[in-house]
């Protein structure tokens, strides 16, 4: 088992004590991180004892331990998957060459940009979720929120280590800037638009962890293919933690849907107003939130045609999802891919060089994965004997990036006029009234084993603990 050294000030499995200069630089950064956590981490939570899992190893068979921890004392650190000395680059122009252990000079700027962009999303999501603990629907859910938060904090550490270790002064300055930007700040916002959106309620949080953390999974999987071996090893371990974040989202929405169906069957109604009056979130509102979070998230993959994506691939910096399982030549020089375009007021397909369409390839892989989870939510509705079905909207719906940006398209994929869009907008996206209604349901429930009226309990507790376990202790 590859264990993490917890005797050091910064837990790690990268022999940090052997590089005193790097160790001092990271120890200099650490107080700024802790100050950021105190300022922007979960609101009012610093004295809580939280039943958290902490990484103690990078061995998949036993990598974490569970126990009560005060979040400011959580042992964030630097954990990379074990090195494979025989590892080769398996795509792009460097196909077959040994993976890089240091940053190739010609790729320095692009690698730094990739690492900074990924790193910026981690503290951003903590900032977006800062106030949610004040309205947690149960201790179980509060603990899951806090687990997501501390792991996003550790993912920031993972990227900051790479910046400090491999990028000199530029890297140190970028690491400082990661603590200075703020989600939604007018003057110094986070880099990607979705990470400047508010996460004001738990329906938004569960949608975020299902859809937007799933984007994280696909981006991390693409980076885990990188020819720059330290980045690949870092992101592979991050994926171990990321799986829990998506579980929180998928199971959270499933439990909301379950509770809504119970209320509908108790009242023998499918009238959204009656469901709301009974204190549950109607399925139509869940659909609108789904439409919003899905559309905002697929924009995170970038423009449908991108010379940067082509450069990142050909240079060996960022591969495709599950690159090693694909059976093409991993060069893609003559390959093409179909994209959506607009012609004569209608959506049409056009073929473009695949290298320029790699953002769209990753987006399409993501969409397939997202649809599978939505179908699992529909099984809950089906089991309840209700005919309504949740659907992922068309990928041209509500887009703000690329060829489709600003185009008015219905969730079914029909191009519509401005007037028609305005007439139906509140049927397709959450309205102010929807958000106010959901906000009205948010009230903190902290008695062990009790849950807010709008969400069902989980099928099982965390780490084989009972559902009524005291997951958070207030001091």
Protein backbone atom coordinates (compact mmCIF):
# COMPACT_ATOMS: atom_id res chain seq x y z
CA UNK A 1 0.00 0.00 0.00
CA UNK A 2 1.35 3.43 -0.92
CA UNK A 3 0.79 5.42 2.27
CA UNK A 4 0.67 9.15 2.78
CA UNK A 5 3.26 10.71 5.10
CA UNK A 6 1.22 12.36 7.85
CA UNK A 7 4.22 13.24 10.01
CA UNK A 8 4.90 16.32 7.91
CA UNK A 9 3.22 19.70 8.10
CA UNK A 10 1.86 19.07 4.60
CA UNK A 11 0.76 15.42 4.24
CA UNK A 12 2.15 13.98 1.01
CA UNK A 13 3.45 10.98 -0.85
CA UNK A 14 5.88 12.95 -3.03
CA UNK A 15 8.87 13.00 -0.65
CA UNK A 16 8.36 16.68 -0.03
CA UNK A 17 10.95 16.73 2.78
CA UNK A 18 13.66 15.94 0.23
CA UNK A 19 13.05 19.26 -1.59
CA UNK A 20 13.47 21.90 1.08
CA UNK A 21 12.96 24.83 -1.28
CA UNK A 22 9.64 23.45 -2.52
CA UNK A 23 8.59 22.52 1.01
CA UNK A 24 9.25 26.06 2.24
CA UNK A 25 7.36 27.55 -0.71
CA UNK A 26 4.29 25.40 -0.04
CA UNK A 27 4.47 26.06 3.71
CA UNK A 28 4.52 29.76 2.84
CA UNK A 29 1.35 29.26 0.72
CA UNK A 30 -0.41 27.18 3.38
CA UNK A 31 -1.43 30.04 5.76
CA UNK A 32 -3.00 31.89 2.83
CA UNK A 33 -5.01 28.78 2.02
CA UNK A 34 -6.17 28.45 5.63
CA UNK A 35 -7.12 32.14 5.69
CA UNK A 36 -9.10 31.61 2.47
CA UNK A 37 -10.87 28.63 4.09
CA UNK A 38 -11.75 30.67 7.16
CA UNK A 39 -13.10 33.48 4.96
CA UNK A 40 -14.78 31.47 2.18
CA UNK A 41 -15.22 27.91 3.47
CA UNK A 42 -18.52 26.60 4.90
CA UNK A 43 -20.22 29.40 6.81
CA UNK A 44 -20.06 29.14 10.61
CA UNK A 45 -18.65 25.60 10.59
CA UNK A 46 -15.16 25.96 12.03
CA UNK A 47 -15.99 24.43 15.43
CA UNK A 48 -18.03 21.48 14.13
CA UNK A 49 -16.75 17.91 14.44
CA UNK A 50 -17.57 16.31 11.09
CA UNK A 51 -17.46 12.60 10.27
CA UNK A 52 -15.13 12.90 7.29
CA UNK A 53 -13.05 10.54 5.22
CA UNK A 54 -9.39 11.47 4.91
CA UNK A 55 -7.00 10.05 2.33
CA UNK A 56 -4.27 7.97 3.98
CA UNK A 57 -3.08 6.07 0.91
CA UNK A 58 -3.32 6.00 -2.86
CA UNK A 59 -4.05 2.28 -2.90
CA UNK A 60 -7.57 1.84 -4.34
CA UNK A 61 -8.26 -1.10 -2.02
CA UNK A 62 -7.94 0.98 1.14
CA UNK A 63 -7.22 4.63 0.52
CA UNK A 64 -9.26 6.44 3.18
CA UNK A 65 -10.12 6.43 6.86
CA UNK A 66 -13.22 7.88 8.54
CA UNK A 67 -13.40 9.86 11.74
CA UNK A 68 -14.45 13.13 13.35
CA UNK A 69 -12.42 16.12 12.20
CA UNK A 70 -12.80 19.88 12.58
CA UNK A 71 -12.65 21.10 8.99
CA UNK A 72 -9.91 23.72 9.53
CA UNK A 73 -7.79 20.81 10.90
CA UNK A 74 -8.48 18.54 7.93
CA UNK A 75 -5.20 17.15 6.57
CA UNK A 76 -5.19 18.51 3.04
CA UNK A 77 -2.17 17.38 1.12
CA UNK A 78 -0.47 16.21 -2.04
CA UNK A 79 -1.20 12.67 -3.26
CA UNK A 80 -0.16 11.31 -6.64
CA UNK A 81 -0.86 7.85 -7.99
CA UNK A 82 2.28 5.68 -8.09
CA UNK A 83 4.65 6.30 -10.99
CA UNK A 84 4.98 3.84 -13.87
CA UNK A 85 8.58 4.17 -15.05
CA UNK A 86 7.69 2.49 -18.34
CA UNK A 87 4.77 4.80 -19.13
CA UNK A 88 4.65 6.11 -22.69
CA UNK A 89 2.72 8.95 -24.29
CA UNK A 90 -0.11 7.23 -26.15
CA UNK A 91 -1.57 9.92 -28.38
CA UNK A 92 -0.58 12.92 -30.47
CA UNK A 93 2.68 13.82 -32.15
CA UNK A 94 4.78 12.32 -29.33
CA UNK A 95 3.03 8.92 -29.51
CA UNK A 96 5.31 6.17 -28.20
CA UNK A 97 7.81 8.49 -26.51
CA UNK A 98 8.46 8.20 -22.74
CA UNK A 99 6.05 10.28 -20.64
CA UNK A 100 7.58 13.58 -19.50
CA UNK A 101 8.70 13.91 -15.90
CA UNK A 102 9.45 17.61 -16.36
CA UNK A 103 7.66 20.31 -18.33
CA UNK A 104 8.87 20.52 -21.96
CA UNK A 105 9.78 24.16 -22.60
CA UNK A 106 7.64 24.49 -25.71
CA UNK A 107 4.52 23.32 -23.81
CA UNK A 108 5.12 25.28 -20.63
CA UNK A 109 2.52 28.04 -21.20
CA UNK A 110 -0.22 25.64 -22.31
CA UNK A 111 0.37 23.24 -19.43
CA UNK A 112 0.30 26.07 -16.93
CA UNK A 113 -2.96 27.34 -18.42
CA UNK A 114 -4.54 23.87 -18.19
CA UNK A 115 -3.48 23.43 -14.55
CA UNK A 116 -4.58 26.94 -13.50
CA UNK A 117 -8.00 26.56 -15.17
CA UNK A 118 -8.58 23.21 -13.45
CA UNK A 119 -7.24 24.52 -10.15
CA UNK A 120 -9.51 27.57 -10.25
CA UNK A 121 -12.68 25.46 -10.32
CA UNK A 122 -11.86 23.82 -6.97
CA UNK A 123 -12.02 26.81 -4.58
CA UNK A 124 -14.77 28.31 -6.76
CA UNK A 125 -17.20 25.52 -5.95
CA UNK A 126 -16.46 25.83 -2.20
CA UNK A 127 -17.26 29.55 -2.46
CA UNK A 128 -20.47 28.84 -4.38
CA UNK A 129 -21.59 26.36 -1.69
CA UNK A 130 -20.46 28.43 1.29
CA UNK A 131 -23.90 29.07 2.83
CA UNK A 132 -25.58 25.72 2.13
CA UNK A 133 -24.74 24.23 5.52
CA UNK A 134 -27.11 26.77 7.07
CA UNK A 135 -30.07 25.14 5.26
CA UNK A 136 -29.00 21.47 5.19
CA UNK A 137 -31.99 19.10 5.01
CA UNK A 138 -30.31 16.62 7.39
CA UNK A 139 -27.04 15.88 9.22
CA UNK A 140 -26.35 13.22 6.57
CA UNK A 141 -26.59 15.83 3.80
CA UNK A 142 -24.64 18.44 5.75
CA UNK A 143 -21.80 15.97 6.19
CA UNK A 144 -21.82 15.12 2.47
CA UNK A 145 -21.63 18.82 1.61
CA UNK A 146 -18.65 19.26 3.93
CA UNK A 147 -16.94 16.18 2.49
CA UNK A 148 -17.28 17.62 -1.00
CA UNK A 149 -15.91 20.95 0.27
CA UNK A 150 -12.77 19.57 1.93
CA UNK A 151 -12.01 17.43 -1.11
CA UNK A 152 -12.34 20.40 -3.44
CA UNK A 153 -9.85 22.07 -1.12
CA UNK A 154 -7.48 19.13 -1.49
CA UNK A 155 -7.87 19.22 -5.27
CA UNK A 156 -6.72 22.84 -5.12
CA UNK A 157 -3.65 21.66 -3.21
CA UNK A 158 -3.02 19.07 -5.93
CA UNK A 159 -2.89 21.73 -8.65
CA UNK A 160 -0.91 24.18 -6.50
CA UNK A 161 1.76 21.54 -5.91
CA UNK A 162 2.22 21.19 -9.68
CA UNK A 163 2.43 24.97 -10.11
CA UNK A 164 5.03 25.31 -7.35
CA UNK A 165 7.03 22.23 -8.28
CA UNK A 166 7.26 22.72 -12.04
CA UNK A 167 6.62 26.36 -12.95
CA UNK A 168 8.93 28.48 -10.77
CA UNK A 169 7.99 32.08 -10.04
CA UNK A 170 5.14 32.03 -12.57
CA UNK A 171 3.67 29.02 -10.81
CA UNK A 172 3.95 30.64 -7.36
CA UNK A 173 2.20 33.76 -8.63
CA UNK A 174 -0.59 31.68 -10.20
CA UNK A 175 -0.99 29.76 -6.91
CA UNK A 176 -1.43 33.05 -5.04
CA UNK A 177 -3.98 34.23 -7.61
CA UNK A 178 -6.05 31.08 -7.04
CA UNK A 179 -6.67 32.34 -3.50
CA UNK A 180 -7.45 35.89 -4.64
CA UNK A 181 -10.21 35.31 -7.21
CA UNK A 182 -13.75 34.93 -5.89
CA UNK A 183 -16.79 33.22 -7.39
CA UNK A 184 -19.18 35.85 -8.76
CA UNK A 185 -16.90 38.78 -7.92
CA UNK A 186 -17.44 41.64 -10.39
CA UNK A 187 -13.77 42.67 -10.37
CA UNK A 188 -11.91 39.38 -9.90
CA UNK A 189 -14.22 36.47 -10.83
CA UNK A 190 -13.37 32.81 -11.30
CA UNK A 191 -12.13 31.87 -14.77
CA UNK A 192 -15.08 29.77 -16.01
CA UNK A 193 -18.61 31.20 -16.16
CA UNK A 194 -20.39 28.25 -14.49
CA UNK A 195 -18.22 28.77 -11.41
CA UNK A 196 -19.51 32.31 -11.00
CA UNK A 197 -23.14 31.19 -10.79
CA UNK A 198 -24.84 31.15 -7.40
CA UNK A 199 -25.70 27.85 -5.69
CA UNK A 200 -28.47 29.22 -3.48
CA UNK A 201 -30.36 26.08 -2.50
CA UNK A 202 -29.97 22.32 -2.18
CA UNK A 203 -31.77 21.49 -5.42
CA UNK A 204 -29.13 23.62 -7.17
CA UNK A 205 -26.38 21.93 -5.14
CA UNK A 206 -27.48 18.43 -6.09
CA UNK A 207 -27.80 19.46 -9.74
CA UNK A 208 -24.33 21.05 -9.54
CA UNK A 209 -22.72 17.95 -8.04
CA UNK A 210 -24.46 15.72 -10.58
CA UNK A 211 -23.84 17.77 -13.72
CA UNK A 212 -20.93 20.12 -13.03
CA UNK A 213 -18.82 17.70 -10.98
CA UNK A 214 -19.41 15.25 -13.83
CA UNK A 215 -17.75 17.79 -16.12
CA UNK A 216 -14.89 17.61 -13.60
CA UNK A 217 -14.77 13.85 -14.05
CA UNK A 218 -14.45 14.13 -17.82
CA UNK A 219 -11.87 16.92 -17.69
CA UNK A 220 -9.83 14.99 -15.12
CA UNK A 221 -10.07 11.80 -17.20
CA UNK A 222 -8.76 13.70 -20.23
CA UNK A 223 -5.89 15.14 -18.15
CA UNK A 224 -5.15 11.70 -16.66
CA UNK A 225 -4.06 10.73 -20.20
CA UNK A 226 -1.52 13.59 -20.32
CA UNK A 227 2.02 13.05 -21.51
CA UNK A 228 3.10 15.19 -18.55
CA UNK A 229 3.27 12.36 -16.03
CA UNK A 230 2.93 14.35 -12.76
CA UNK A 231 -0.35 15.84 -14.05
CA UNK A 232 -1.64 12.41 -15.08
CA UNK A 233 -0.75 10.88 -11.72
CA UNK A 234 -2.31 13.78 -9.81
CA UNK A 235 -5.62 13.75 -11.68
CA UNK A 236 -5.96 9.96 -11.43
CA UNK A 237 -6.05 10.23 -7.66
CA UNK A 238 -8.41 13.22 -7.79
CA UNK A 239 -10.85 11.01 -9.71
CA UNK A 240 -10.98 8.64 -6.71
CA UNK A 241 -12.43 11.48 -4.64
CA UNK A 242 -14.55 12.98 -7.43
CA UNK A 243 -16.75 9.86 -7.59
CA UNK A 244 -18.30 10.74 -4.23
CA UNK A 245 -19.25 14.22 -5.43
CA UNK A 246 -21.26 12.80 -8.33
CA UNK A 247 -22.84 10.23 -6.00
CA UNK A 248 -24.02 13.09 -3.76
CA UNK A 249 -25.69 14.74 -6.75
CA UNK A 250 -27.25 11.67 -8.28
CA UNK A 251 -28.56 10.25 -5.00
CA UNK A 252 -29.72 13.70 -3.83
CA UNK A 253 -31.89 14.28 -6.90
CA UNK A 254 -33.12 10.70 -6.71
CA UNK A 255 -34.24 11.26 -3.11
CA UNK A 256 -36.01 14.53 -4.01
CA UNK A 257 -37.79 12.77 -6.89
CA UNK A 258 -38.75 9.89 -4.59
CA UNK A 259 -40.26 12.24 -2.03
CA UNK A 260 -42.15 14.18 -4.71
CA UNK A 261 -43.62 10.95 -6.08
CA UNK A 262 -44.67 9.88 -2.57
CA UNK A 263 -46.53 13.18 -2.11
CA UNK A 264 -48.15 12.91 -5.56
CA UNK A 265 -49.40 9.42 -4.76
CA UNK A 266 -50.59 10.39 -1.28
CA UNK A 267 -52.58 13.30 -2.73
CA UNK A 268 -53.51 11.42 -5.90
CA UNK A 269 -52.54 14.44 -7.99
CA UNK A 270 -50.11 15.54 -10.66
CA UNK A 271 -50.99 19.21 -10.24
CA UNK A 272 -47.71 21.09 -9.55
CA UNK A 273 -49.51 23.70 -7.42
CA UNK A 274 -50.93 21.02 -5.13
CA UNK A 275 -47.56 19.28 -4.87
CA UNK A 276 -45.95 22.59 -3.90
CA UNK A 277 -48.69 23.34 -1.40
CA UNK A 278 -47.82 20.02 0.28
CA UNK A 279 -44.18 21.14 0.66
CA UNK A 280 -42.59 19.04 -2.09
CA UNK A 281 -40.76 20.12 -5.25
CA UNK A 282 -42.90 19.38 -8.30
CA UNK A 283 -41.33 17.38 -11.12
CA UNK A 284 -41.77 20.26 -13.59
CA UNK A 285 -39.57 22.50 -11.43
CA UNK A 286 -36.97 19.73 -11.13
CA UNK A 287 -36.98 19.53 -14.94
CA UNK A 288 -36.38 23.28 -15.26
CA UNK A 289 -33.46 23.15 -12.84
CA UNK A 290 -32.11 20.16 -14.79
CA UNK A 291 -32.34 22.16 -18.05
CA UNK A 292 -30.44 25.07 -16.52
CA UNK A 293 -27.60 23.12 -14.90
CA UNK A 294 -27.11 20.82 -17.87
CA UNK A 295 -26.91 23.68 -20.35
CA UNK A 296 -24.55 25.76 -18.20
CA UNK A 297 -22.31 22.74 -17.66
CA UNK A 298 -21.95 21.66 -21.29
CA UNK A 299 -20.67 25.16 -22.04
CA UNK A 300 -17.71 24.32 -19.77
CA UNK A 301 -16.31 22.07 -22.49
CA UNK A 302 -15.58 25.17 -24.57
CA UNK A 303 -16.20 26.13 -28.18
CA UNK A 304 -17.29 23.33 -30.53
CA UNK A 305 -14.32 24.11 -32.79
CA UNK A 306 -11.07 24.90 -31.00
CA UNK A 307 -7.52 25.23 -32.24
CA UNK A 308 -6.41 25.07 -28.58
CA UNK A 309 -8.04 21.65 -28.18
CA UNK A 310 -6.22 20.47 -31.31
CA UNK A 311 -2.92 21.81 -29.97
CA UNK A 312 -3.42 20.23 -26.53
CA UNK A 313 -4.09 16.86 -28.14
CA UNK A 314 -1.37 16.88 -30.79
CA UNK A 315 1.14 18.11 -28.18
CA UNK A 316 0.27 15.21 -25.85
CA UNK A 317 -1.02 17.50 -23.09
CA UNK A 318 -4.67 16.42 -22.89
CA UNK A 319 -6.20 13.27 -24.33
CA UNK A 320 -9.75 12.12 -24.90
CA UNK A 321 -11.96 10.39 -22.35
CA UNK A 322 -10.73 6.78 -22.11
CA UNK A 323 -8.09 7.41 -24.78
CA UNK A 324 -6.50 4.01 -24.17
CA UNK A 325 -9.71 2.15 -25.01
CA UNK A 326 -10.11 3.79 -28.43
CA UNK A 327 -9.08 1.84 -31.50
CA UNK A 328 -8.12 4.62 -33.95
CA UNK A 329 -4.57 5.78 -34.66
CA UNK A 330 -4.50 8.30 -31.73
CA UNK A 331 -3.18 10.92 -34.16
CA UNK A 332 -6.50 11.93 -35.79
CA UNK A 333 -4.82 13.81 -38.64
CA UNK A 334 -7.33 12.73 -41.30
CA UNK A 335 -10.32 12.04 -39.06
CA UNK A 336 -13.50 14.13 -39.05
CA UNK A 337 -16.40 14.69 -36.66
CA UNK A 338 -19.95 15.98 -37.05
CA UNK A 339 -20.90 19.22 -35.33
CA UNK A 340 -24.12 21.18 -35.15
CA UNK A 341 -24.33 24.39 -37.16
CA UNK A 342 -27.09 26.84 -38.03
CA UNK A 343 -28.28 27.26 -41.61
CA UNK A 344 -31.46 28.99 -42.82
CA UNK A 345 -32.78 29.20 -39.26
CA UNK A 346 -32.42 25.46 -38.64
CA UNK A 347 -29.88 23.19 -36.99
CA UNK A 348 -27.78 21.17 -39.43
CA UNK A 349 -24.80 18.85 -39.14
CA UNK A 350 -21.44 19.59 -40.70
CA UNK A 351 -18.20 17.65 -40.76
CA UNK A 352 -15.01 19.24 -39.48
CA UNK A 353 -11.51 17.91 -38.74
CA UNK A 354 -11.72 15.87 -35.54
CA UNK A 355 -8.64 17.54 -34.04
CA UNK A 356 -10.51 20.85 -34.03
CA UNK A 357 -13.66 19.18 -32.63
CA UNK A 358 -12.16 17.52 -29.56
CA UNK A 359 -14.11 19.74 -27.16
CA UNK A 360 -17.27 18.48 -28.85
CA UNK A 361 -16.08 14.86 -28.66
CA UNK A 362 -15.61 15.23 -24.89
CA UNK A 363 -18.95 17.07 -24.58
CA UNK A 364 -20.75 14.23 -26.42
CA UNK A 365 -19.11 11.61 -24.18
CA UNK A 366 -20.27 13.65 -21.18
CA UNK A 367 -23.83 13.91 -22.49
CA UNK A 368 -24.10 10.12 -22.87
CA UNK A 369 -22.94 9.69 -19.28
CA UNK A 370 -25.36 12.34 -18.01
CA UNK A 371 -28.34 10.76 -19.79
CA UNK A 372 -27.67 7.44 -18.05
CA UNK A 373 -28.12 9.00 -14.62
CA UNK A 374 -31.28 10.83 -15.61
CA UNK A 375 -32.72 7.48 -16.69
CA UNK A 376 -32.02 6.17 -13.19
CA UNK A 377 -34.08 9.05 -11.77
CA UNK A 378 -36.85 8.10 -14.20
CA UNK A 379 -36.86 4.56 -12.81
CA UNK A 380 -37.84 6.06 -9.43
CA UNK A 381 -40.76 7.88 -11.10
CA UNK A 382 -41.73 4.80 -13.07
CA UNK A 383 -41.66 2.63 -9.95
CA UNK A 384 -44.08 5.09 -8.33
CA UNK A 385 -46.50 4.56 -11.23
CA UNK A 386 -46.26 8.17 -12.47
CA UNK A 387 -46.10 8.88 -16.20
CA UNK A 388 -43.88 12.01 -16.10
CA UNK A 389 -40.28 11.56 -17.32
CA UNK A 390 -37.26 13.81 -16.82
CA UNK A 391 -35.26 14.55 -19.98
CA UNK A 392 -31.88 16.02 -20.79
CA UNK A 393 -32.53 19.01 -23.10
CA UNK A 394 -31.12 19.24 -26.61
CA UNK A 395 -27.46 20.24 -26.57
CA UNK A 396 -28.23 23.43 -28.54
CA UNK A 397 -30.58 24.62 -25.77
CA UNK A 398 -29.56 27.74 -23.79
CA UNK A 399 -25.96 27.78 -25.01
CA UNK A 400 -23.61 30.70 -24.41
CA UNK A 401 -20.38 29.42 -26.01
CA UNK A 402 -19.42 28.42 -29.56
CA UNK A 403 -21.46 28.32 -32.77
CA UNK A 404 -24.71 27.82 -30.86
CA UNK A 405 -24.17 30.74 -28.46
CA UNK A 406 -27.27 32.86 -28.10
CA UNK A 407 -29.32 30.79 -30.54
CA UNK A 408 -32.93 30.39 -29.39
CA UNK A 409 -33.61 26.65 -29.28
CA UNK A 410 -36.30 24.76 -27.40
CA UNK A 411 -35.40 21.83 -25.10
CA UNK A 412 -36.60 19.54 -27.92
CA UNK A 413 -34.10 21.08 -30.35
CA UNK A 414 -36.35 23.34 -32.43
CA UNK A 415 -35.03 26.77 -33.39
CA UNK A 416 -37.58 29.34 -32.17
CA UNK A 417 -38.09 33.09 -32.51
CA UNK A 418 -37.17 35.57 -29.79
CA UNK A 419 -40.87 36.06 -29.08
CA UNK A 420 -41.50 32.32 -28.74
CA UNK A 421 -38.46 31.94 -26.47
CA UNK A 422 -39.68 34.74 -24.22
CA UNK A 423 -43.17 33.25 -24.13
CA UNK A 424 -41.87 29.82 -23.02
CA UNK A 425 -38.78 30.75 -21.04
CA UNK A 426 -40.39 30.16 -17.65
CA UNK A 427 -41.57 26.72 -18.81
CA UNK A 428 -38.01 25.77 -19.79
CA UNK A 429 -35.76 27.44 -17.20
CA UNK A 430 -36.24 28.21 -13.50
CA UNK A 431 -38.21 31.40 -12.98
CA UNK A 432 -37.82 33.84 -10.10
CA UNK A 433 -40.97 32.27 -8.68
CA UNK A 434 -39.45 28.78 -8.90
CA UNK A 435 -36.30 29.90 -7.12
CA UNK A 436 -38.30 31.70 -4.44
CA UNK A 437 -40.44 28.60 -3.87
CA UNK A 438 -37.43 26.29 -3.57
CA UNK A 439 -35.75 28.82 -1.25
CA UNK A 440 -38.87 28.82 0.92
CA UNK A 441 -38.43 25.09 1.59
CA UNK A 442 -34.83 25.44 2.75
CA UNK A 443 -34.65 25.09 6.52
CA UNK A 444 -31.94 23.45 8.58
CA UNK A 445 -32.71 20.00 10.02
CA UNK A 446 -30.07 18.86 12.51
CA UNK A 447 -31.73 16.15 14.60
CA UNK A 448 -30.01 12.83 13.79
CA UNK A 449 -32.19 10.67 11.55
CA UNK A 450 -34.59 13.50 10.64
CA UNK A 451 -34.97 14.86 7.10
CA UNK A 452 -36.63 17.88 5.56
CA UNK A 453 -40.12 17.22 4.20
CA UNK A 454 -39.05 17.68 0.54
CA UNK A 455 -36.39 14.93 0.44
CA UNK A 456 -36.47 11.20 1.24
CA UNK A 457 -33.88 9.57 3.52
CA UNK A 458 -31.03 7.69 1.79
CA UNK A 459 -31.12 3.93 1.40
CA UNK A 460 -28.06 3.56 3.65
CA UNK A 461 -25.72 5.64 5.77
CA UNK A 462 -22.09 6.62 5.23
CA UNK A 463 -19.35 4.04 5.78
CA UNK A 464 -21.90 1.48 7.01
CA UNK A 465 -23.10 3.83 9.76
CA UNK A 466 -26.85 4.00 10.47
CA UNK A 467 -28.88 6.77 8.83
CA UNK A 468 -29.50 8.35 12.25
CA UNK A 469 -25.77 8.50 13.05
CA UNK A 470 -24.54 11.86 14.41
CA UNK A 471 -22.61 12.82 11.25
CA UNK A 472 -21.98 16.38 12.48
CA UNK A 473 -21.47 17.38 16.10
CA UNK A 474 -22.02 21.03 17.00
CA UNK A 475 -19.74 22.47 19.70
